[in-house]
Amino acid sequence: MSFNNVRNERYKYLKYSDSSDKQTLLFFFNPDSVCHSVRLICDLSVKTDKVNEFNSAYKKSAENRWIDRRDGKDYLIELRDEKWSYVVTIEPNI
């Protein structure tokens, strides 16, 4: 993935894209520069592989939802279909 320099007055984030533009990864930060969520936007052509990856690596909690447990904390991984892509959001499971 390659870093994309972006400017946004509303959100503080980092953006990375793969060379084929099939995946874009966004890291969102709070005002203290601590990452509070991650968003992966992917082309529909890689969805099956990504779901298989999540099924093998994380505990499935519902349809298109998984839990990742790290360092005593749970993180919710949620996949949402869009018209031309799908979006994976990872954030603390509160």
PDB file of N, CA and C in Angstrom:
ATOM      1  N   MET A   1       0.842  -1.179   0.000  1.00  0.00           N
ATOM      2  CA  MET A   1       0.000   0.000   0.000  1.00  0.00           C
ATOM      3  C   MET A   1       0.887   1.243   0.000  1.00  0.00           C
ATOM      4  N   SER A   2       0.388   2.260  -0.657  1.00  0.00           N
ATOM      5  CA  SER A   2       1.110   3.524  -0.763  1.00  0.00           C
ATOM      6  C   SER A   2       0.370   4.616  -0.003  1.00  0.00           C
ATOM      7  N   PHE A   3       1.121   5.458   0.674  1.00  0.00           N
ATOM      8  CA  PHE A   3       0.549   6.575   1.414  1.00  0.00           C
ATOM      9  C   PHE A   3       0.013   7.620   0.430  1.00  0.00           C
ATOM     10  N   ASN A   4      -1.181   8.136   0.723  1.00  0.00           N
ATOM     11  CA  ASN A   4      -1.780   9.223  -0.049  1.00  0.00           C
ATOM     12  C   ASN A   4      -1.866  10.448   0.849  1.00  0.00           C
ATOM     13  N   ASN A   5      -1.273  11.527   0.424  1.00  0.00           N
ATOM     14  CA  ASN A   5      -1.315  12.752   1.208  1.00  0.00           C
ATOM     15  C   ASN A   5      -2.682  13.404   1.026  1.00  0.00           C
ATOM     16  N   VAL A   6      -3.431  13.546   2.124  1.00  0.00           N
ATOM     17  CA  VAL A   6      -4.769  14.131   2.064  1.00  0.00           C
ATOM     18  C   VAL A   6      -4.890  15.228   3.108  1.00  0.00           C
ATOM     19  N   ARG A   7      -5.727  16.203   2.821  1.00  0.00           N
ATOM     20  CA  ARG A   7      -6.009  17.274   3.769  1.00  0.00           C
ATOM     21  C   ARG A   7      -7.518  17.347   3.951  1.00  0.00           C
ATOM     22  N   ASN A   8      -7.900  17.421   5.222  1.00  0.00           N
ATOM     23  CA  ASN A   8      -9.308  17.500   5.541  1.00  0.00           C
ATOM     24  C   ASN A   8      -9.432  18.276   6.849  1.00  0.00           C
ATOM     25  N   GLU A   9     -10.209  19.337   6.842  1.00  0.00           N
ATOM     26  CA  GLU A   9     -10.365  20.158   8.039  1.00  0.00           C
ATOM     27  C   GLU A   9     -11.301  19.528   9.062  1.00  0.00           C
ATOM     28  N   ARG A  10     -12.126  18.607   8.631  1.00  0.00           N
ATOM     29  CA  ARG A  10     -13.108  18.011   9.529  1.00  0.00           C
ATOM     30  C   ARG A  10     -12.585  16.766  10.226  1.00  0.00           C
ATOM     31  N   TYR A  11     -11.862  15.897   9.503  1.00  0.00           N
ATOM     32  CA  TYR A  11     -11.353  14.643  10.054  1.00  0.00           C
ATOM     33  C   TYR A  11      -9.840  14.612   9.967  1.00  0.00           C
ATOM     34  N   LYS A  12      -9.237  13.983  10.954  1.00  0.00           N
ATOM     35  CA  LYS A  12      -7.798  13.764  10.935  1.00  0.00           C
ATOM     36  C   LYS A  12      -7.586  12.287  10.618  1.00  0.00           C
ATOM     37  N   TYR A  13      -6.967  11.988   9.468  1.00  0.00           N
ATOM     38  CA  TYR A  13      -6.804  10.604   9.071  1.00  0.00           C
ATOM     39  C   TYR A  13      -5.609  10.415   8.144  1.00  0.00           C
ATOM     40  N   LEU A  14      -5.202   9.155   8.027  1.00  0.00           N
ATOM     41  CA  LEU A  14      -4.181   8.746   7.071  1.00  0.00           C
ATOM     42  C   LEU A  14      -4.850   7.854   6.039  1.00  0.00           C
ATOM     43  N   LYS A  15      -4.380   7.943   4.804  1.00  0.00           N
ATOM     44  CA  LYS A  15      -4.982   7.167   3.716  1.00  0.00           C
ATOM     45  C   LYS A  15      -3.888   6.430   2.956  1.00  0.00           C
ATOM     46  N   TYR A  16      -4.138   5.131   2.731  1.00  0.00           N
ATOM     47  CA  TYR A  16      -3.241   4.285   1.951  1.00  0.00           C
ATOM     48  C   TYR A  16      -4.063   3.564   0.888  1.00  0.00           C
ATOM     49  N   SER A  17      -3.493   3.378  -0.293  1.00  0.00           N
ATOM     50  CA  SER A  17      -4.161   2.651  -1.376  1.00  0.00           C
ATOM     51  C   SER A  17      -3.197   1.631  -1.961  1.00  0.00           C
ATOM     52  N   ASP A  18      -3.750   0.509  -2.425  1.00  0.00           N
ATOM     53  CA  ASP A  18      -2.884  -0.461  -3.095  1.00  0.00           C
ATOM     54  C   ASP A  18      -2.672  -0.046  -4.546  1.00  0.00           C
ATOM     55  N   SER A  19      -1.706  -0.664  -5.200  1.00  0.00           N
ATOM     56  CA  SER A  19      -1.335  -0.255  -6.555  1.00  0.00           C
ATOM     57  C   SER A  19      -2.442  -0.501  -7.581  1.00  0.00           C
ATOM     58  N   SER A  20      -3.329  -1.443  -7.304  1.00  0.00           N
ATOM     59  CA  SER A  20      -4.404  -1.736  -8.255  1.00  0.00           C
ATOM     60  C   SER A  20      -5.680  -0.944  -7.955  1.00  0.00           C
ATOM     61  N   ASP A  21      -5.660  -0.144  -6.898  1.00  0.00           N
ATOM     62  CA  ASP A  21      -6.835   0.623  -6.458  1.00  0.00           C
ATOM     63  C   ASP A  21      -8.026  -0.262  -6.110  1.00  0.00           C
ATOM     64  N   LYS A  22      -7.757  -1.488  -5.668  1.00  0.00           N
ATOM     65  CA  LYS A  22      -8.830  -2.372  -5.216  1.00  0.00           C
ATOM     66  C   LYS A  22      -9.081  -2.242  -3.721  1.00  0.00           C
ATOM     67  N   GLN A  23      -8.124  -1.648  -2.999  1.00  0.00           N
ATOM     68  CA  GLN A  23      -8.269  -1.488  -1.565  1.00  0.00           C
ATOM     69  C   GLN A  23      -7.724  -0.119  -1.134  1.00  0.00           C
ATOM     70  N   THR A  24      -8.484   0.543  -0.286  1.00  0.00           N
ATOM     71  CA  THR A  24      -8.063   1.800   0.320  1.00  0.00           C
ATOM     72  C   THR A  24      -8.228   1.650   1.824  1.00  0.00           C
ATOM     73  N   LEU A  25      -7.196   2.016   2.568  1.00  0.00           N
ATOM     74  CA  LEU A  25      -7.180   1.870   4.013  1.00  0.00           C
ATOM     75  C   LEU A  25      -7.094   3.251   4.655  1.00  0.00           C
ATOM     76  N   LEU A  26      -8.029   3.523   5.569  1.00  0.00           N
ATOM     77  CA  LEU A  26      -8.085   4.813   6.250  1.00  0.00           C
ATOM     78  C   LEU A  26      -7.952   4.600   7.761  1.00  0.00           C
ATOM     79  N   PHE A  27      -7.089   5.387   8.401  1.00  0.00           N
ATOM     80  CA  PHE A  27      -6.931   5.382   9.852  1.00  0.00           C
ATOM     81  C   PHE A  27      -7.451   6.720  10.365  1.00  0.00           C
ATOM     82  N   PHE A  28      -8.473   6.705  11.224  1.00  0.00           N
ATOM     83  CA  PHE A  28      -9.069   7.923  11.757  1.00  0.00           C
ATOM     84  C   PHE A  28      -8.547   8.185  13.168  1.00  0.00           C
ATOM     85  N   PHE A  29      -8.206   9.458  13.441  1.00  0.00           N
ATOM     86  CA  PHE A  29      -7.600   9.839  14.709  1.00  0.00           C
ATOM     87  C   PHE A  29      -8.465  10.839  15.456  1.00  0.00           C
ATOM     88  N   ASN A  30      -8.394  10.767  16.798  1.00  0.00           N
ATOM     89  CA  ASN A  30      -9.083  11.761  17.622  1.00  0.00           C
ATOM     90  C   ASN A  30      -8.202  13.011  17.726  1.00  0.00           C
ATOM     91  N   PRO A  31      -8.651  14.074  18.390  1.00  0.00           N
ATOM     92  CA  PRO A  31      -7.840  15.301  18.490  1.00  0.00           C
ATOM     93  C   PRO A  31      -6.471  15.105  19.150  1.00  0.00           C
ATOM     94  N   ASP A  32      -6.317  14.032  19.950  1.00  0.00           N
ATOM     95  CA  ASP A  32      -5.040  13.734  20.595  1.00  0.00           C
ATOM     96  C   ASP A  32      -4.149  12.847  19.731  1.00  0.00           C
ATOM     97  N   SER A  33      -4.519  12.643  18.475  1.00  0.00           N
ATOM     98  CA  SER A  33      -3.771  11.824  17.509  1.00  0.00           C
ATOM     99  C   SER A  33      -3.722  10.344  17.872  1.00  0.00           C
ATOM    100  N   VAL A  34      -4.768   9.858  18.538  1.00  0.00           N
ATOM    101  CA  VAL A  34      -4.905   8.436  18.851  1.00  0.00           C
ATOM    102  C   VAL A  34      -5.904   7.837  17.867  1.00  0.00           C
ATOM    103  N   CYS A  35      -5.513   6.739  17.237  1.00  0.00           N
ATOM    104  CA  CYS A  35      -6.406   6.089  16.266  1.00  0.00           C
ATOM    105  C   CYS A  35      -7.635   5.536  16.978  1.00  0.00           C
ATOM    106  N   HIS A  36      -8.823   5.902  16.491  1.00  0.00           N
ATOM    107  CA  HIS A  36     -10.061   5.418  17.101  1.00  0.00           C
ATOM    108  C   HIS A  36     -10.838   4.482  16.188  1.00  0.00           C
ATOM    109  N   SER A  37     -10.501   4.440  14.909  1.00  0.00           N
ATOM    110  CA  SER A  37     -11.146   3.474  14.016  1.00  0.00           C
ATOM    111  C   SER A  37     -10.343   3.342  12.727  1.00  0.00           C
ATOM    112  N   VAL A  38     -10.586   2.211  12.074  1.00  0.00           N
ATOM    113  CA  VAL A  38      -9.936   1.909  10.802  1.00  0.00           C
ATOM    114  C   VAL A  38     -11.038   1.545   9.818  1.00  0.00           C
ATOM    115  N   ARG A  39     -10.907   2.030   8.598  1.00  0.00           N
ATOM    116  CA  ARG A  39     -11.877   1.702   7.558  1.00  0.00           C
ATOM    117  C   ARG A  39     -11.128   1.196   6.334  1.00  0.00           C
ATOM    118  N   LEU A  40     -11.562   0.057   5.821  1.00  0.00           N
ATOM    119  CA  LEU A  40     -11.005  -0.529   4.617  1.00  0.00           C
ATOM    120  C   LEU A  40     -12.103  -0.542   3.562  1.00  0.00           C
ATOM    121  N   ILE A  41     -11.849   0.093   2.427  1.00  0.00           N
ATOM    122  CA  ILE A  41     -12.810   0.140   1.328  1.00  0.00           C
ATOM    123  C   ILE A  41     -12.238  -0.718   0.208  1.00  0.00           C
ATOM    124  N   CYS A  42     -13.013  -1.720  -0.205  1.00  0.00           N
ATOM    125  CA  CYS A  42     -12.508  -2.703  -1.167  1.00  0.00           C
ATOM    126  C   CYS A  42     -13.444  -2.890  -2.350  1.00  0.00           C
ATOM    127  N   ASP A  43     -12.847  -3.237  -3.465  1.00  0.00           N
ATOM    128  CA  ASP A  43     -13.574  -3.620  -4.660  1.00  0.00           C
ATOM    129  C   ASP A  43     -14.320  -4.932  -4.372  1.00  0.00           C
ATOM    130  N   LEU A  44     -15.505  -5.071  -4.913  1.00  0.00           N
ATOM    131  CA  LEU A  44     -16.303  -6.279  -4.673  1.00  0.00           C
ATOM    132  C   LEU A  44     -15.596  -7.564  -5.116  1.00  0.00           C
ATOM    133  N   SER A  45     -14.657  -7.458  -6.040  1.00  0.00           N
ATOM    134  CA  SER A  45     -13.976  -8.651  -6.548  1.00  0.00           C
ATOM    135  C   SER A  45     -13.122  -9.357  -5.495  1.00  0.00           C
ATOM    136  N   VAL A  46     -12.774  -8.678  -4.402  1.00  0.00           N
ATOM    137  CA  VAL A  46     -11.946  -9.308  -3.365  1.00  0.00           C
ATOM    138  C   VAL A  46     -12.748  -9.642  -2.102  1.00  0.00           C
ATOM    139  N   LYS A  47     -14.061  -9.516  -2.161  1.00  0.00           N
ATOM    140  CA  LYS A  47     -14.898  -9.730  -0.972  1.00  0.00           C
ATOM    141  C   LYS A  47     -14.820 -11.158  -0.446  1.00  0.00           C
ATOM    142  N   THR A  48     -14.936 -12.141  -1.299  1.00  0.00           N
ATOM    143  CA  THR A  48     -14.923 -13.540  -0.844  1.00  0.00           C
ATOM    144  C   THR A  48     -13.632 -13.860  -0.106  1.00  0.00           C
ATOM    145  N   ASP A  49     -12.510 -13.439  -0.649  1.00  0.00           N
ATOM    146  CA  ASP A  49     -11.224 -13.679   0.017  1.00  0.00           C
ATOM    147  C   ASP A  49     -11.166 -12.991   1.372  1.00  0.00           C
ATOM    148  N   LYS A  50     -11.680 -11.770   1.465  1.00  0.00           N
ATOM    149  CA  LYS A  50     -11.643 -11.025   2.726  1.00  0.00           C
ATOM    150  C   LYS A  50     -12.546 -11.685   3.764  1.00  0.00           C
ATOM    151  N   VAL A  51     -13.732 -12.138   3.378  1.00  0.00           N
ATOM    152  CA  VAL A  51     -14.636 -12.824   4.312  1.00  0.00           C
ATOM    153  C   VAL A  51     -13.982 -14.112   4.808  1.00  0.00           C
ATOM    154  N   ASN A  52     -13.368 -14.873   3.909  1.00  0.00           N
ATOM    155  CA  ASN A  52     -12.672 -16.099   4.314  1.00  0.00           C
ATOM    156  C   ASN A  52     -11.543 -15.792   5.292  1.00  0.00           C
ATOM    157  N   GLU A  53     -10.814 -14.719   5.033  1.00  0.00           N
ATOM    158  CA  GLU A  53      -9.733 -14.288   5.938  1.00  0.00           C
ATOM    159  C   GLU A  53     -10.297 -13.974   7.325  1.00  0.00           C
ATOM    160  N   PHE A  54     -11.383 -13.217   7.383  1.00  0.00           N
ATOM    161  CA  PHE A  54     -11.989 -12.856   8.666  1.00  0.00           C
ATOM    162  C   PHE A  54     -12.529 -14.090   9.383  1.00  0.00           C
ATOM    163  N   ASN A  55     -13.167 -15.005   8.650  1.00  0.00           N
ATOM    164  CA  ASN A  55     -13.700 -16.217   9.269  1.00  0.00           C
ATOM    165  C   ASN A  55     -12.605 -17.071   9.899  1.00  0.00           C
ATOM    166  N   SER A  56     -11.439 -17.091   9.288  1.00  0.00           N
ATOM    167  CA  SER A  56     -10.354 -17.913   9.821  1.00  0.00           C
ATOM    168  C   SER A  56      -9.572 -17.210  10.939  1.00  0.00           C
ATOM    169  N   ALA A  57      -9.594 -15.889  10.988  1.00  0.00           N
ATOM    170  CA  ALA A  57      -8.768 -15.169  11.957  1.00  0.00           C
ATOM    171  C   ALA A  57      -9.543 -14.643  13.177  1.00  0.00           C
ATOM    172  N   TYR A  58     -10.859 -14.443  13.051  1.00  0.00           N
ATOM    173  CA  TYR A  58     -11.623 -13.795  14.108  1.00  0.00           C
ATOM    174  C   TYR A  58     -12.856 -14.606  14.467  1.00  0.00           C
ATOM    175  N   LYS A  59     -13.437 -14.289  15.620  1.00  0.00           N
ATOM    176  CA  LYS A  59     -14.661 -14.954  16.069  1.00  0.00           C
ATOM    177  C   LYS A  59     -15.863 -14.262  15.439  1.00  0.00           C
ATOM    178  N   LYS A  60     -16.657 -15.011  14.710  1.00  0.00           N
ATOM    179  CA  LYS A  60     -17.849 -14.441  14.060  1.00  0.00           C
ATOM    180  C   LYS A  60     -18.911 -14.190  15.121  1.00  0.00           C
ATOM    181  N   SER A  61     -19.487 -12.970  15.122  1.00  0.00           N
ATOM    182  CA  SER A  61     -20.506 -12.629  16.117  1.00  0.00           C
ATOM    183  C   SER A  61     -21.899 -12.494  15.511  1.00  0.00           C
ATOM    184  N   ALA A  62     -21.967 -12.266  14.214  1.00  0.00           N
ATOM    185  CA  ALA A  62     -23.234 -12.138  13.488  1.00  0.00           C
ATOM    186  C   ALA A  62     -22.895 -12.132  12.002  1.00  0.00           C
ATOM    187  N   GLU A  63     -23.923 -12.025  11.165  1.00  0.00           N
ATOM    188  CA  GLU A  63     -23.688 -11.940   9.731  1.00  0.00           C
ATOM    189  C   GLU A  63     -22.861 -10.687   9.431  1.00  0.00           C
ATOM    190  N   ASN A  64     -21.713 -10.888   8.762  1.00  0.00           N
ATOM    191  CA  ASN A  64     -20.809  -9.797   8.388  1.00  0.00           C
ATOM    192  C   ASN A  64     -20.244  -9.022   9.587  1.00  0.00           C
ATOM    193  N   ARG A  65     -20.114  -9.717  10.740  1.00  0.00           N
ATOM    194  CA  ARG A  65     -19.528  -9.109  11.945  1.00  0.00           C
ATOM    195  C   ARG A  65     -18.626 -10.114  12.640  1.00  0.00           C
ATOM    196  N   TRP A  66     -17.471  -9.617  13.100  1.00  0.00           N
ATOM    197  CA  TRP A  66     -16.502 -10.447  13.796  1.00  0.00           C
ATOM    198  C   TRP A  66     -15.969  -9.680  14.994  1.00  0.00           C
ATOM    199  N   ILE A  67     -15.410 -10.415  15.951  1.00  0.00           N
ATOM    200  CA  ILE A  67     -14.762  -9.819  17.115  1.00  0.00           C
ATOM    201  C   ILE A  67     -13.292 -10.215  17.093  1.00  0.00           C
ATOM    202  N   ASP A  68     -12.437  -9.226  17.253  1.00  0.00           N
ATOM    203  CA  ASP A  68     -10.996  -9.450  17.369  1.00  0.00           C
ATOM    204  C   ASP A  68     -10.604  -9.075  18.788  1.00  0.00           C
ATOM    205  N   ARG A  69     -10.027 -10.020  19.521  1.00  0.00           N
ATOM    206  CA  ARG A  69      -9.605  -9.759  20.903  1.00  0.00           C
ATOM    207  C   ARG A  69      -8.099  -9.587  20.927  1.00  0.00           C
ATOM    208  N   ARG A  70      -7.643  -8.407  21.365  1.00  0.00           N
ATOM    209  CA  ARG A  70      -6.207  -8.093  21.447  1.00  0.00           C
ATOM    210  C   ARG A  70      -5.920  -7.365  22.754  1.00  0.00           C
ATOM    211  N   ASP A  71      -4.915  -7.852  23.443  1.00  0.00           N
ATOM    212  CA  ASP A  71      -4.462  -7.212  24.688  1.00  0.00           C
ATOM    213  C   ASP A  71      -5.616  -6.947  25.652  1.00  0.00           C
ATOM    214  N   GLY A  72      -6.533  -7.902  25.749  1.00  0.00           N
ATOM    215  CA  GLY A  72      -7.649  -7.781  26.685  1.00  0.00           C
ATOM    216  C   GLY A  72      -8.775  -6.880  26.231  1.00  0.00           C
ATOM    217  N   LYS A  73      -8.713  -6.384  25.000  1.00  0.00           N
ATOM    218  CA  LYS A  73      -9.761  -5.517  24.466  1.00  0.00           C
ATOM    219  C   LYS A  73     -10.417  -6.183  23.270  1.00  0.00           C
ATOM    220  N   ASP A  74     -11.708  -5.951  23.112  1.00  0.00           N
ATOM    221  CA  ASP A  74     -12.452  -6.459  21.961  1.00  0.00           C
ATOM    222  C   ASP A  74     -12.636  -5.359  20.931  1.00  0.00           C
ATOM    223  N   TYR A  75     -12.460  -5.744  19.660  1.00  0.00           N
ATOM    224  CA  TYR A  75     -12.661  -4.824  18.548  1.00  0.00           C
ATOM    225  C   TYR A  75     -13.698  -5.424  17.610  1.00  0.00           C
ATOM    226  N   LEU A  76     -14.633  -4.616  17.198  1.00  0.00           N
ATOM    227  CA  LEU A  76     -15.690  -5.042  16.282  1.00  0.00           C
ATOM    228  C   LEU A  76     -15.222  -4.814  14.846  1.00  0.00           C
ATOM    229  N   ILE A  77     -15.333  -5.853  14.052  1.00  0.00           N
ATOM    230  CA  ILE A  77     -15.038  -5.778  12.618  1.00  0.00           C
ATOM    231  C   ILE A  77     -16.373  -5.968  11.909  1.00  0.00           C
ATOM    232  N   GLU A  78     -16.760  -4.988  11.142  1.00  0.00           N
ATOM    233  CA  GLU A  78     -18.064  -5.042  10.477  1.00  0.00           C
ATOM    234  C   GLU A  78     -17.905  -4.788   8.986  1.00  0.00           C
ATOM    235  N   LEU A  79     -18.493  -5.643   8.184  1.00  0.00           N
ATOM    236  CA  LEU A  79     -18.453  -5.524   6.728  1.00  0.00           C
ATOM    237  C   LEU A  79     -19.818  -5.042   6.252  1.00  0.00           C
ATOM    238  N   ARG A  80     -19.817  -4.002   5.437  1.00  0.00           N
ATOM    239  CA  ARG A  80     -21.064  -3.433   4.917  1.00  0.00           C
ATOM    240  C   ARG A  80     -20.961  -3.316   3.406  1.00  0.00           C
ATOM    241  N   ASP A  81     -21.933  -3.853   2.710  1.00  0.00           N
ATOM    242  CA  ASP A  81     -21.966  -3.770   1.251  1.00  0.00           C
ATOM    243  C   ASP A  81     -22.418  -2.389   0.799  1.00  0.00           C
ATOM    244  N   GLU A  82     -21.735  -1.881  -0.202  1.00  0.00           N
ATOM    245  CA  GLU A  82     -22.116  -0.631  -0.851  1.00  0.00           C
ATOM    246  C   GLU A  82     -22.452  -0.972  -2.304  1.00  0.00           C
ATOM    247  N   LYS A  83     -22.825   0.001  -3.085  1.00  0.00           N
ATOM    248  CA  LYS A  83     -23.229  -0.264  -4.469  1.00  0.00           C
ATOM    249  C   LYS A  83     -22.069  -0.810  -5.308  1.00  0.00           C
ATOM    250  N   TRP A  84     -20.872  -0.204  -5.231  1.00  0.00           N
ATOM    251  CA  TRP A  84     -19.753  -0.603  -6.081  1.00  0.00           C
ATOM    252  C   TRP A  84     -18.585  -1.194  -5.292  1.00  0.00           C
ATOM    253  N   SER A  85     -18.738  -1.271  -3.989  1.00  0.00           N
ATOM    254  CA  SER A  85     -17.644  -1.736  -3.143  1.00  0.00           C
ATOM    255  C   SER A  85     -18.228  -2.298  -1.855  1.00  0.00           C
ATOM    256  N   TYR A  86     -17.344  -2.643  -0.935  1.00  0.00           N
ATOM    257  CA  TYR A  86     -17.782  -2.951   0.416  1.00  0.00           C
ATOM    258  C   TYR A  86     -16.822  -2.255   1.366  1.00  0.00           C
ATOM    259  N   VAL A  87     -17.316  -2.008   2.578  1.00  0.00           N
ATOM    260  CA  VAL A  87     -16.546  -1.263   3.558  1.00  0.00           C
ATOM    261  C   VAL A  87     -16.402  -2.117   4.813  1.00  0.00           C
ATOM    262  N   VAL A  88     -15.172  -2.218   5.306  1.00  0.00           N
ATOM    263  CA  VAL A  88     -14.891  -2.900   6.562  1.00  0.00           C
ATOM    264  C   VAL A  88     -14.508  -1.823   7.566  1.00  0.00           C
ATOM    265  N   THR A  89     -15.204  -1.800   8.703  1.00  0.00           N
ATOM    266  CA  THR A  89     -14.901  -0.865   9.766  1.00  0.00           C
ATOM    267  C   THR A  89     -14.411  -1.644  10.977  1.00  0.00           C
ATOM    268  N   ILE A  90     -13.327  -1.174  11.574  1.00  0.00           N
ATOM    269  CA  ILE A  90     -12.780  -1.791  12.781  1.00  0.00           C
ATOM    270  C   ILE A  90     -12.709  -0.711  13.837  1.00  0.00           C
ATOM    271  N   GLU A  91     -13.363  -0.979  14.976  1.00  0.00           N
ATOM    272  CA  GLU A  91     -13.354  -0.016  16.070  1.00  0.00           C
ATOM    273  C   GLU A  91     -13.559  -0.749  17.394  1.00  0.00           C
ATOM    274  N   PRO A  92     -13.229  -0.094  18.509  1.00  0.00           N
ATOM    275  CA  PRO A  92     -13.412  -0.755  19.805  1.00  0.00           C
ATOM    276  C   PRO A  92     -14.862  -1.188  19.983  1.00  0.00           C
ATOM    277  N   ASN A  93     -15.034  -2.370  20.550  1.00  0.00           N
ATOM    278  CA  ASN A  93     -16.384  -2.905  20.801  1.00  0.00           C
ATOM    279  C   ASN A  93     -16.791  -2.462  22.198  1.00  0.00           C
ATOM    280  N   ILE A  94     -17.594  -1.421  22.243  1.00  0.00           N
ATOM    281  CA  ILE A  94     -17.994  -0.844  23.539  1.00  0.00           C
ATOM    282  C   ILE A  94     -19.330  -1.397  23.974  1.00  0.00           C
TER     283      ILE A  94
END
